[in-house]
């Protein structure tokens, strides 16, 4: 494993090595190729290209806005400028396969840009599974008012995986005398709940709802 990761005993974490970054970049490219293939089963080359371009743009926007943080917690997690919404849109526009794949790809990109690896298995819960869950919005893509509900379910999915990771790998950071499970439940709510509330509030604005509806019709008509 040393070719991909090395253990930093001083900081009690694993550090990615060049081969590790290269492997993650290859995995990211493979996931984007999967999006292209999923689209190919439903329509023309133009639709495949539209879907891939939209997903790539959504992942890029989510990554950029994830660096705009209003609250940044010490052990990971932050309230960002609606970064989770962009990934949820991929599922809402194109369905669960594309949404989940785009979410996993975004999780891989988050790992590349800001890795925190406490244990190899922790990476699975905190990156591809947690961010991939945002694509659960895809199960609401045929609902007339499905975006807000799908987004909420996606955030709940991300919360679920972070709670599992927190309880298994970060219980030692719970304040003395506090149940570690209650601690990780509360810790992850402190940043996910405010962003969920603000985003749902944003989506309730008539002009925003209309704009999202127009974009959805355009991308699906390609």
C-alpha atoms as a PDB file:
ATOM      1  CA  UNK A   1       0.000   0.000   0.000  1.00  0.00           C
ATOM      2  CA  UNK A   2       2.992   2.326   0.479  1.00  0.00           C
ATOM      3  CA  UNK A   3       3.049   3.058  -3.274  1.00  0.00           C
ATOM      4  CA  UNK A   4      -0.401   4.670  -2.908  1.00  0.00           C
ATOM      5  CA  UNK A   5      -0.556   5.668   0.772  1.00  0.00           C
ATOM      6  CA  UNK A   6       1.892   6.244   3.580  1.00  0.00           C
ATOM      7  CA  UNK A   7       1.046   6.556   7.263  1.00  0.00           C
ATOM      8  CA  UNK A   8       1.937   9.793   9.016  1.00  0.00           C
ATOM      9  CA  UNK A   9       2.294   8.711  12.643  1.00  0.00           C
ATOM     10  CA  UNK A  10       2.762  12.277  13.879  1.00  0.00           C
ATOM     11  CA  UNK A  11      -0.682  13.356  12.645  1.00  0.00           C
ATOM     12  CA  UNK A  12      -2.330   9.902  12.826  1.00  0.00           C
ATOM     13  CA  UNK A  13      -3.454   9.928   9.208  1.00  0.00           C
ATOM     14  CA  UNK A  14      -2.617   8.443   5.829  1.00  0.00           C
ATOM     15  CA  UNK A  15      -1.146  10.582   3.067  1.00  0.00           C
ATOM     16  CA  UNK A  16      -1.815  10.001  -0.621  1.00  0.00           C
ATOM     17  CA  UNK A  17       1.208   9.385  -2.809  1.00  0.00           C
ATOM     18  CA  UNK A  18       1.548  10.265  -6.525  1.00  0.00           C
ATOM     19  CA  UNK A  19       0.374   6.796  -7.560  1.00  0.00           C
ATOM     20  CA  UNK A  20      -2.622   7.192  -5.262  1.00  0.00           C
ATOM     21  CA  UNK A  21      -3.585  10.470  -6.903  1.00  0.00           C
ATOM     22  CA  UNK A  22      -3.108   8.895 -10.346  1.00  0.00           C
ATOM     23  CA  UNK A  23      -5.336   5.954  -9.423  1.00  0.00           C
ATOM     24  CA  UNK A  24      -8.062   8.293  -8.161  1.00  0.00           C
ATOM     25  CA  UNK A  25      -7.833  10.408 -11.329  1.00  0.00           C
ATOM     26  CA  UNK A  26      -8.211   7.253 -13.437  1.00  0.00           C
ATOM     27  CA  UNK A  27     -11.232   6.211 -11.375  1.00  0.00           C
ATOM     28  CA  UNK A  28     -12.765   9.669 -11.822  1.00  0.00           C
ATOM     29  CA  UNK A  29     -12.319   9.428 -15.605  1.00  0.00           C
ATOM     30  CA  UNK A  30     -13.889   5.960 -15.604  1.00  0.00           C
ATOM     31  CA  UNK A  31     -16.934   7.251 -13.707  1.00  0.00           C
ATOM     32  CA  UNK A  32     -17.426  10.063 -16.204  1.00  0.00           C
ATOM     33  CA  UNK A  33     -17.219   7.475 -18.986  1.00  0.00           C
ATOM     34  CA  UNK A  34     -19.956   5.522 -17.217  1.00  0.00           C
ATOM     35  CA  UNK A  35     -22.195   8.601 -17.313  1.00  0.00           C
ATOM     36  CA  UNK A  36     -21.649   8.753 -21.062  1.00  0.00           C
ATOM     37  CA  UNK A  37     -22.569   5.070 -21.400  1.00  0.00           C
ATOM     38  CA  UNK A  38     -25.704   5.417 -19.254  1.00  0.00           C
ATOM     39  CA  UNK A  39     -26.910   8.261 -21.454  1.00  0.00           C
ATOM     40  CA  UNK A  40     -26.193   6.208 -24.556  1.00  0.00           C
ATOM     41  CA  UNK A  41     -28.848   3.686 -23.607  1.00  0.00           C
ATOM     42  CA  UNK A  42     -31.524   6.353 -23.721  1.00  0.00           C
ATOM     43  CA  UNK A  43     -30.820   8.528 -26.710  1.00  0.00           C
ATOM     44  CA  UNK A  44     -28.624  10.008 -29.366  1.00  0.00           C
ATOM     45  CA  UNK A  45     -24.967  10.964 -29.282  1.00  0.00           C
ATOM     46  CA  UNK A  46     -26.105  14.555 -28.774  1.00  0.00           C
ATOM     47  CA  UNK A  47     -27.975  13.537 -25.621  1.00  0.00           C
ATOM     48  CA  UNK A  48     -24.965  11.572 -24.382  1.00  0.00           C
ATOM     49  CA  UNK A  49     -22.731  14.582 -24.891  1.00  0.00           C
ATOM     50  CA  UNK A  50     -25.219  16.965 -23.258  1.00  0.00           C
ATOM     51  CA  UNK A  51     -25.537  14.745 -20.207  1.00  0.00           C
ATOM     52  CA  UNK A  52     -21.795  14.269 -19.820  1.00  0.00           C
ATOM     53  CA  UNK A  53     -21.088  17.986 -20.222  1.00  0.00           C
ATOM     54  CA  UNK A  54     -23.792  18.910 -17.716  1.00  0.00           C
ATOM     55  CA  UNK A  55     -22.526  16.399 -15.153  1.00  0.00           C
ATOM     56  CA  UNK A  56     -18.929  17.524 -15.590  1.00  0.00           C
ATOM     57  CA  UNK A  57     -20.018  21.161 -15.156  1.00  0.00           C
ATOM     58  CA  UNK A  58     -22.097  20.278 -12.082  1.00  0.00           C
ATOM     59  CA  UNK A  59     -19.177  18.437 -10.490  1.00  0.00           C
ATOM     60  CA  UNK A  60     -16.883  21.387 -11.240  1.00  0.00           C
ATOM     61  CA  UNK A  61     -19.360  23.915  -9.790  1.00  0.00           C
ATOM     62  CA  UNK A  62     -19.911  21.746  -6.721  1.00  0.00           C
ATOM     63  CA  UNK A  63     -16.152  21.563  -6.202  1.00  0.00           C
ATOM     64  CA  UNK A  64     -15.662  25.320  -6.564  1.00  0.00           C
ATOM     65  CA  UNK A  65     -18.548  26.195  -4.236  1.00  0.00           C
ATOM     66  CA  UNK A  66     -17.348  23.614  -1.701  1.00  0.00           C
ATOM     67  CA  UNK A  67     -14.348  25.880  -1.105  1.00  0.00           C
ATOM     68  CA  UNK A  68     -16.669  28.797  -0.228  1.00  0.00           C
ATOM     69  CA  UNK A  69     -17.326  27.930   3.397  1.00  0.00           C
ATOM     70  CA  UNK A  70     -19.460  29.860   5.864  1.00  0.00           C
ATOM     71  CA  UNK A  71     -18.787  27.371   8.667  1.00  0.00           C
ATOM     72  CA  UNK A  72     -15.811  25.004   8.755  1.00  0.00           C
ATOM     73  CA  UNK A  73     -15.697  22.401  11.522  1.00  0.00           C
ATOM     74  CA  UNK A  74     -12.409  21.135  13.009  1.00  0.00           C
ATOM     75  CA  UNK A  75     -12.908  17.415  12.248  1.00  0.00           C
ATOM     76  CA  UNK A  76     -14.357  17.817   8.758  1.00  0.00           C
ATOM     77  CA  UNK A  77     -17.628  19.149   7.458  1.00  0.00           C
ATOM     78  CA  UNK A  78     -18.659  22.653   6.448  1.00  0.00           C
ATOM     79  CA  UNK A  79     -21.596  24.807   5.393  1.00  0.00           C
ATOM     80  CA  UNK A  80     -20.874  25.753   1.787  1.00  0.00           C
ATOM     81  CA  UNK A  81     -22.382  27.856  -0.982  1.00  0.00           C
ATOM     82  CA  UNK A  82     -25.004  25.261  -2.046  1.00  0.00           C
ATOM     83  CA  UNK A  83     -22.343  22.802  -3.262  1.00  0.00           C
ATOM     84  CA  UNK A  84     -24.511  19.717  -2.654  1.00  0.00           C
ATOM     85  CA  UNK A  85     -27.302  21.132  -4.798  1.00  0.00           C
ATOM     86  CA  UNK A  86     -25.290  20.848  -8.023  1.00  0.00           C
ATOM     87  CA  UNK A  87     -24.787  17.113  -7.546  1.00  0.00           C
ATOM     88  CA  UNK A  88     -28.437  16.614  -6.644  1.00  0.00           C
ATOM     89  CA  UNK A  89     -29.395  18.345  -9.888  1.00  0.00           C
ATOM     90  CA  UNK A  90     -27.642  15.643 -11.935  1.00  0.00           C
ATOM     91  CA  UNK A  91     -29.911  13.017 -10.428  1.00  0.00           C
ATOM     92  CA  UNK A  92     -33.020  15.158 -10.689  1.00  0.00           C
ATOM     93  CA  UNK A  93     -32.369  15.882 -14.365  1.00  0.00           C
ATOM     94  CA  UNK A  94     -31.139  12.481 -15.545  1.00  0.00           C
ATOM     95  CA  UNK A  95     -32.225   9.837 -13.037  1.00  0.00           C
ATOM     96  CA  UNK A  96     -30.618   7.772 -10.278  1.00  0.00           C
ATOM     97  CA  UNK A  97     -27.912   5.991 -12.300  1.00  0.00           C
ATOM     98  CA  UNK A  98     -26.417   9.230 -13.515  1.00  0.00           C
ATOM     99  CA  UNK A  99     -26.979  10.998 -10.193  1.00  0.00           C
ATOM    100  CA  UNK A 100     -25.330   8.308  -8.105  1.00  0.00           C
ATOM    101  CA  UNK A 101     -22.408   8.011 -10.522  1.00  0.00           C
ATOM    102  CA  UNK A 102     -21.889  11.781 -10.583  1.00  0.00           C
ATOM    103  CA  UNK A 103     -22.062  11.845  -6.791  1.00  0.00           C
ATOM    104  CA  UNK A 104     -19.417   9.143  -6.476  1.00  0.00           C
ATOM    105  CA  UNK A 105     -17.245  10.988  -8.992  1.00  0.00           C
ATOM    106  CA  UNK A 106     -17.634  14.165  -6.942  1.00  0.00           C
ATOM    107  CA  UNK A 107     -16.660  12.237  -3.811  1.00  0.00           C
ATOM    108  CA  UNK A 108     -13.500  11.025  -5.542  1.00  0.00           C
ATOM    109  CA  UNK A 109     -12.697  14.606  -6.555  1.00  0.00           C
ATOM    110  CA  UNK A 110     -13.242  15.762  -2.963  1.00  0.00           C
ATOM    111  CA  UNK A 111     -10.780  13.098  -1.865  1.00  0.00           C
ATOM    112  CA  UNK A 112      -8.247  14.331  -4.417  1.00  0.00           C
ATOM    113  CA  UNK A 113      -8.588  18.008  -3.516  1.00  0.00           C
ATOM    114  CA  UNK A 114      -8.832  17.679   0.253  1.00  0.00           C
ATOM    115  CA  UNK A 115      -7.976  14.202   1.495  1.00  0.00           C
ATOM    116  CA  UNK A 116      -8.333  13.279   5.135  1.00  0.00           C
ATOM    117  CA  UNK A 117      -7.634   9.579   5.523  1.00  0.00           C
ATOM    118  CA  UNK A 118      -7.820   8.319   9.082  1.00  0.00           C
ATOM    119  CA  UNK A 119      -8.276   4.707   7.981  1.00  0.00           C
ATOM    120  CA  UNK A 120      -8.594   3.179   4.502  1.00  0.00           C
ATOM    121  CA  UNK A 121     -12.174   1.971   5.127  1.00  0.00           C
ATOM    122  CA  UNK A 122     -13.149   5.409   6.454  1.00  0.00           C
ATOM    123  CA  UNK A 123     -12.446   6.801   2.987  1.00  0.00           C
ATOM    124  CA  UNK A 124     -15.220   4.642   1.535  1.00  0.00           C
ATOM    125  CA  UNK A 125     -17.845   6.031   3.929  1.00  0.00           C
ATOM    126  CA  UNK A 126     -16.775   9.680   3.933  1.00  0.00           C
ATOM    127  CA  UNK A 127     -16.146  10.172   0.220  1.00  0.00           C
ATOM    128  CA  UNK A 128     -17.704   7.948  -2.495  1.00  0.00           C
ATOM    129  CA  UNK A 129     -20.610   6.641  -0.402  1.00  0.00           C
ATOM    130  CA  UNK A 130     -21.442   9.899   1.404  1.00  0.00           C
ATOM    131  CA  UNK A 131     -21.253  12.135  -1.649  1.00  0.00           C
ATOM    132  CA  UNK A 132     -22.646   9.448  -3.938  1.00  0.00           C
ATOM    133  CA  UNK A 133     -25.778   9.458  -1.777  1.00  0.00           C
ATOM    134  CA  UNK A 134     -26.557  12.956  -3.055  1.00  0.00           C
ATOM    135  CA  UNK A 135     -27.519  11.244  -6.309  1.00  0.00           C
ATOM    136  CA  UNK A 136     -30.506   9.669  -4.546  1.00  0.00           C
ATOM    137  CA  UNK A 137     -32.325  12.744  -5.829  1.00  0.00           C
ATOM    138  CA  UNK A 138     -32.552  10.784  -9.082  1.00  0.00           C
ATOM    139  CA  UNK A 139     -35.348   8.647  -7.649  1.00  0.00           C
ATOM    140  CA  UNK A 140     -37.495  11.795  -7.651  1.00  0.00           C
ATOM    141  CA  UNK A 141     -36.661  12.958 -11.163  1.00  0.00           C
ATOM    142  CA  UNK A 142     -40.130  12.176 -12.527  1.00  0.00           C
ATOM    143  CA  UNK A 143     -41.913  13.972  -9.695  1.00  0.00           C
ATOM    144  CA  UNK A 144     -43.299  17.410 -10.461  1.00  0.00           C
ATOM    145  CA  UNK A 145     -41.976  18.871  -7.209  1.00  0.00           C
ATOM    146  CA  UNK A 146     -39.271  16.294  -6.690  1.00  0.00           C
ATOM    147  CA  UNK A 147     -36.139  18.436  -6.484  1.00  0.00           C
ATOM    148  CA  UNK A 148     -36.511  19.648  -2.903  1.00  0.00           C
ATOM    149  CA  UNK A 149     -37.601  16.202  -1.703  1.00  0.00           C
ATOM    150  CA  UNK A 150     -34.836  14.483  -3.666  1.00  0.00           C
ATOM    151  CA  UNK A 151     -32.254  16.921  -2.359  1.00  0.00           C
ATOM    152  CA  UNK A 152     -33.393  16.324   1.225  1.00  0.00           C
ATOM    153  CA  UNK A 153     -33.181  12.548   0.767  1.00  0.00           C
ATOM    154  CA  UNK A 154     -29.715  12.900  -0.766  1.00  0.00           C
ATOM    155  CA  UNK A 155     -28.488  14.977   2.169  1.00  0.00           C
ATOM    156  CA  UNK A 156     -30.007  12.446   4.567  1.00  0.00           C
ATOM    157  CA  UNK A 157     -28.071   9.718   2.746  1.00  0.00           C
ATOM    158  CA  UNK A 158     -24.852  11.671   3.082  1.00  0.00           C
ATOM    159  CA  UNK A 159     -25.605  12.206   6.777  1.00  0.00           C
ATOM    160  CA  UNK A 160     -26.153   8.466   7.260  1.00  0.00           C
ATOM    161  CA  UNK A 161     -22.723   7.539   5.908  1.00  0.00           C
ATOM    162  CA  UNK A 162     -20.923  10.288   7.820  1.00  0.00           C
ATOM    163  CA  UNK A 163     -22.592   9.135  11.039  1.00  0.00           C
ATOM    164  CA  UNK A 164     -21.425   5.558  10.447  1.00  0.00           C
ATOM    165  CA  UNK A 165     -17.897   6.793   9.759  1.00  0.00           C
ATOM    166  CA  UNK A 166     -17.928   9.088  12.785  1.00  0.00           C
ATOM    167  CA  UNK A 167     -19.116   6.381  15.140  1.00  0.00           C
ATOM    168  CA  UNK A 168     -16.656   3.755  13.906  1.00  0.00           C
ATOM    169  CA  UNK A 169     -13.549   5.849  13.337  1.00  0.00           C
ATOM    170  CA  UNK A 170     -13.869   9.074  15.354  1.00  0.00           C
ATOM    171  CA  UNK A 171     -15.573   8.011  18.586  1.00  0.00           C
ATOM    172  CA  UNK A 172     -12.446   8.916  20.542  1.00  0.00           C
ATOM    173  CA  UNK A 173     -13.044  12.598  19.801  1.00  0.00           C
ATOM    174  CA  UNK A 174     -16.367  12.631  21.668  1.00  0.00           C
ATOM    175  CA  UNK A 175     -16.293  14.838  24.781  1.00  0.00           C
ATOM    176  CA  UNK A 176     -15.618  12.934  27.966  1.00  0.00           C
ATOM    177  CA  UNK A 177     -18.756  11.363  29.352  1.00  0.00           C
ATOM    178  CA  UNK A 178     -20.761  11.808  26.127  1.00  0.00           C
ATOM    179  CA  UNK A 179     -22.068   8.875  24.153  1.00  0.00           C
ATOM    180  CA  UNK A 180     -20.010   8.686  20.903  1.00  0.00           C
ATOM    181  CA  UNK A 181     -23.077   7.854  18.827  1.00  0.00           C
ATOM    182  CA  UNK A 182     -24.981  10.898  20.078  1.00  0.00           C
ATOM    183  CA  UNK A 183     -21.871  12.981  19.490  1.00  0.00           C
ATOM    184  CA  UNK A 184     -21.530  11.962  15.841  1.00  0.00           C
ATOM    185  CA  UNK A 185     -25.285  12.398  15.294  1.00  0.00           C
ATOM    186  CA  UNK A 186     -25.069  15.969  16.553  1.00  0.00           C
ATOM    187  CA  UNK A 187     -21.727  16.823  14.986  1.00  0.00           C
ATOM    188  CA  UNK A 188     -22.817  15.987  11.449  1.00  0.00           C
ATOM    189  CA  UNK A 189     -26.117  17.800  11.878  1.00  0.00           C
ATOM    190  CA  UNK A 190     -24.337  21.050  12.755  1.00  0.00           C
ATOM    191  CA  UNK A 191     -23.176  21.566   9.167  1.00  0.00           C
ATOM    192  CA  UNK A 192     -25.556  19.487   7.027  1.00  0.00           C
ATOM    193  CA  UNK A 193     -28.794  20.797   8.544  1.00  0.00           C
ATOM    194  CA  UNK A 194     -28.081  24.531   7.980  1.00  0.00           C
ATOM    195  CA  UNK A 195     -27.084  23.958   4.347  1.00  0.00           C
ATOM    196  CA  UNK A 196     -30.147  21.751   3.821  1.00  0.00           C
ATOM    197  CA  UNK A 197     -32.407  24.457   5.242  1.00  0.00           C
ATOM    198  CA  UNK A 198     -30.829  27.253   3.196  1.00  0.00           C
ATOM    199  CA  UNK A 199     -30.940  25.248  -0.027  1.00  0.00           C
ATOM    200  CA  UNK A 200     -34.577  24.216   0.381  1.00  0.00           C
ATOM    201  CA  UNK A 201     -35.347  27.879   1.083  1.00  0.00           C
ATOM    202  CA  UNK A 202     -33.558  28.818  -2.133  1.00  0.00           C
ATOM    203  CA  UNK A 203     -35.479  26.210  -4.112  1.00  0.00           C
ATOM    204  CA  UNK A 204     -38.777  27.566  -2.791  1.00  0.00           C
ATOM    205  CA  UNK A 205     -38.216  30.897  -4.550  1.00  0.00           C
ATOM    206  CA  UNK A 206     -40.536  30.944  -7.618  1.00  0.00           C
ATOM    207  CA  UNK A 207     -37.873  32.351  -9.958  1.00  0.00           C
ATOM    208  CA  UNK A 208     -35.417  29.625  -8.948  1.00  0.00           C
ATOM    209  CA  UNK A 209     -38.027  26.873  -9.375  1.00  0.00           C
ATOM    210  CA  UNK A 210     -38.898  28.223 -12.813  1.00  0.00           C
ATOM    211  CA  UNK A 211     -35.242  28.406 -13.871  1.00  0.00           C
ATOM    212  CA  UNK A 212     -34.538  24.843 -12.733  1.00  0.00           C
ATOM    213  CA  UNK A 213     -37.618  23.613 -14.599  1.00  0.00           C
ATOM    214  CA  UNK A 214     -36.520  25.350 -17.794  1.00  0.00           C
ATOM    215  CA  UNK A 215     -33.022  23.886 -17.606  1.00  0.00           C
ATOM    216  CA  UNK A 216     -34.436  20.406 -17.003  1.00  0.00           C
ATOM    217  CA  UNK A 217     -36.674  20.659 -20.049  1.00  0.00           C
ATOM    218  CA  UNK A 218     -33.803  21.898 -22.189  1.00  0.00           C
ATOM    219  CA  UNK A 219     -31.321  19.197 -21.233  1.00  0.00           C
ATOM    220  CA  UNK A 220     -33.854  16.423 -21.656  1.00  0.00           C
ATOM    221  CA  UNK A 221     -34.924  17.769 -25.045  1.00  0.00           C
ATOM    222  CA  UNK A 222     -31.385  17.594 -26.431  1.00  0.00           C
END
